Amino acid sequence: MNRIEFLNEKTKQLYEMLSKTPDLDGRIEFENNVIEWHRNGKVYLSISYDSVVVYSGKYNIVFHWHPDESEVSELYDLLCQAGKAGSILVVRDLLLWQHLYFVGPANEYKQEQKWSRHFDRKYIFGALN
């Protein structure tokens, strides 16, 4: 099995797991070996086993990351944490890079008073946006 076939198979497994999860927000589809997760018209995620892209609005890429090649269940758990009611996903956007800052229940997120640099931004996506 080559790398493309491996990634496509893992992405399909992830889709099957997500599509059977009853309390996720939005609509999940599988097309062209990519999972498309539409969340309330404001947030759109394009997911494959080795790449997750978060869009705000129709085409604005807010965050793009390549998860570690771990088990499908670990990526599934992370996506479920972000997609369940009452949960948020916080992305920290620095001048030259971005990182996933927090994923989990909104009431567990401790917001900093200010970011360490003038050019820092943060994007908070909630399941109930």
Protein backbone atom coordinates (compact mmCIF):
# COMPACT_ATOMS: atom_id res chain seq x y z
CA MET A 1 0.00 0.00 0.00
CA ASN A 2 1.51 3.35 -1.02
CA ARG A 3 1.29 6.53 1.05
CA ILE A 4 -1.70 7.99 -0.85
CA GLU A 5 -3.72 4.80 -0.41
CA PHE A 6 -2.75 4.69 3.28
CA LEU A 7 -3.88 8.30 3.85
CA ASN A 8 -7.12 7.75 1.93
CA GLU A 9 -7.93 4.64 3.97
CA LYS A 10 -7.23 6.41 7.28
CA THR A 11 -9.33 9.41 6.19
CA LYS A 12 -12.22 7.09 5.32
CA GLN A 13 -11.95 5.40 8.73
CA LEU A 14 -12.02 8.81 10.41
CA TYR A 15 -15.10 9.83 8.40
CA GLU A 16 -16.94 6.65 9.37
CA MET A 17 -16.18 7.31 13.05
CA LEU A 18 -17.27 10.97 12.87
CA SER A 19 -20.44 10.24 10.92
CA LYS A 20 -21.58 7.81 13.63
CA THR A 21 -21.06 10.33 16.44
CA PRO A 22 -24.53 11.68 17.30
CA ASP A 23 -23.76 14.91 19.16
CA LEU A 24 -21.41 16.68 16.77
CA ASP A 25 -22.43 20.10 15.49
CA GLY A 26 -22.96 20.61 11.76
CA ARG A 27 -22.98 18.43 8.67
CA ILE A 28 -20.19 15.98 7.81
CA GLU A 29 -19.62 14.73 4.26
CA PHE A 30 -16.98 12.60 2.54
CA GLU A 31 -15.98 13.65 -0.96
CA ASN A 32 -12.79 13.11 -3.01
CA ASN A 33 -11.07 11.44 -0.04
CA VAL A 34 -11.58 14.54 2.10
CA ILE A 35 -13.95 15.03 5.04
CA GLU A 36 -15.93 18.24 4.75
CA TRP A 37 -17.41 19.44 8.01
CA HIS A 38 -19.83 22.37 7.68
CA ARG A 39 -20.62 23.96 11.01
CA ASN A 40 -23.53 26.43 11.10
CA GLY A 41 -22.44 28.28 7.96
CA LYS A 42 -19.69 30.15 9.80
CA VAL A 43 -16.99 27.53 10.15
CA TYR A 44 -15.91 24.93 7.62
CA LEU A 45 -13.29 22.24 8.19
CA SER A 46 -11.52 20.28 5.47
CA ILE A 47 -10.04 17.17 7.05
CA SER A 48 -7.84 14.36 5.88
CA TYR A 49 -5.76 12.04 8.00
CA ASP A 50 -2.64 14.21 7.64
CA SER A 51 -4.14 17.70 7.31
CA VAL A 52 -6.84 19.83 8.93
CA VAL A 53 -7.82 23.22 7.53
CA VAL A 54 -10.22 25.53 9.36
CA TYR A 55 -12.05 28.16 7.31
CA SER A 56 -14.08 31.07 8.61
CA GLY A 57 -16.69 32.21 6.16
CA LYS A 58 -16.50 30.70 2.71
CA TYR A 59 -12.80 30.85 1.77
CA ASN A 60 -10.80 32.54 4.54
CA ILE A 61 -8.27 30.04 5.85
CA VAL A 62 -7.83 30.70 9.53
CA PHE A 63 -5.78 27.70 10.53
CA HIS A 64 -4.02 24.81 8.83
CA TRP A 65 -2.16 22.07 10.62
CA HIS A 66 -0.75 18.63 10.03
CA PRO A 67 -1.55 16.37 12.99
CA ASP A 68 1.05 13.85 14.06
CA GLU A 69 0.58 10.59 12.27
CA SER A 70 -0.89 8.86 15.25
CA GLU A 71 -3.85 6.60 15.56
CA VAL A 72 -7.10 7.61 13.87
CA SER A 73 -8.75 7.50 17.29
CA GLU A 74 -6.51 10.31 18.60
CA LEU A 75 -7.46 12.68 15.77
CA TYR A 76 -11.09 11.60 16.19
CA ASP A 77 -10.97 12.46 19.91
CA LEU A 78 -9.51 15.89 19.17
CA LEU A 79 -12.16 16.65 16.54
CA CYS A 80 -14.94 15.44 18.85
CA GLN A 81 -13.68 17.70 21.63
CA ALA A 82 -13.90 20.66 19.24
CA GLY A 83 -17.24 19.71 17.73
CA LYS A 84 -19.46 18.92 20.67
CA ALA A 85 -21.94 21.39 22.11
CA GLY A 86 -20.32 23.71 24.62
CA SER A 87 -16.80 23.13 23.33
CA ILE A 88 -14.43 25.57 21.68
CA LEU A 89 -11.33 25.46 19.53
CA VAL A 90 -8.87 28.32 20.06
CA VAL A 91 -6.20 29.08 17.46
CA ARG A 92 -3.33 31.41 18.31
CA ASP A 93 -2.06 33.30 15.28
CA LEU A 94 1.38 34.83 15.64
CA LEU A 95 3.12 36.90 13.00
CA LEU A 96 4.85 33.92 11.33
CA TRP A 97 3.05 30.82 12.62
CA GLN A 98 -0.14 29.47 14.12
CA HIS A 99 -0.86 26.78 16.63
CA LEU A 100 -3.78 25.04 18.22
CA TYR A 101 -3.97 26.75 21.60
CA PHE A 102 -6.92 25.05 23.30
CA VAL A 103 -9.59 22.46 22.53
CA GLY A 104 -12.24 21.52 25.07
CA PRO A 105 -15.20 22.72 27.13
CA ALA A 106 -15.65 26.49 27.01
CA ASN A 107 -15.89 26.72 30.79
CA GLU A 108 -12.38 25.24 31.14
CA TYR A 109 -10.75 27.84 28.89
CA LYS A 110 -8.79 30.41 30.83
CA GLN A 111 -8.42 33.49 28.68
CA GLU A 112 -5.18 35.42 29.07
CA GLN A 113 -5.48 39.11 29.80
CA LYS A 114 -3.25 39.98 26.86
CA TRP A 115 -1.05 38.15 24.41
CA SER A 116 2.70 38.36 24.68
CA ARG A 117 3.21 40.30 21.44
CA HIS A 118 1.46 43.12 19.67
CA PHE A 119 0.88 41.02 16.52
CA ASP A 120 -0.79 38.06 18.22
CA ARG A 121 -4.38 37.21 17.38
CA LYS A 122 -6.63 34.46 18.54
CA TYR A 123 -9.62 32.87 16.88
CA ILE A 124 -12.21 31.13 19.01
CA PHE A 125 -14.61 28.73 17.34
CA GLY A 126 -17.46 27.34 19.37
CA ALA A 127 -19.70 24.45 18.50
CA LEU A 128 -22.64 26.78 19.00
CA ASN A 129 -21.31 29.64 16.77
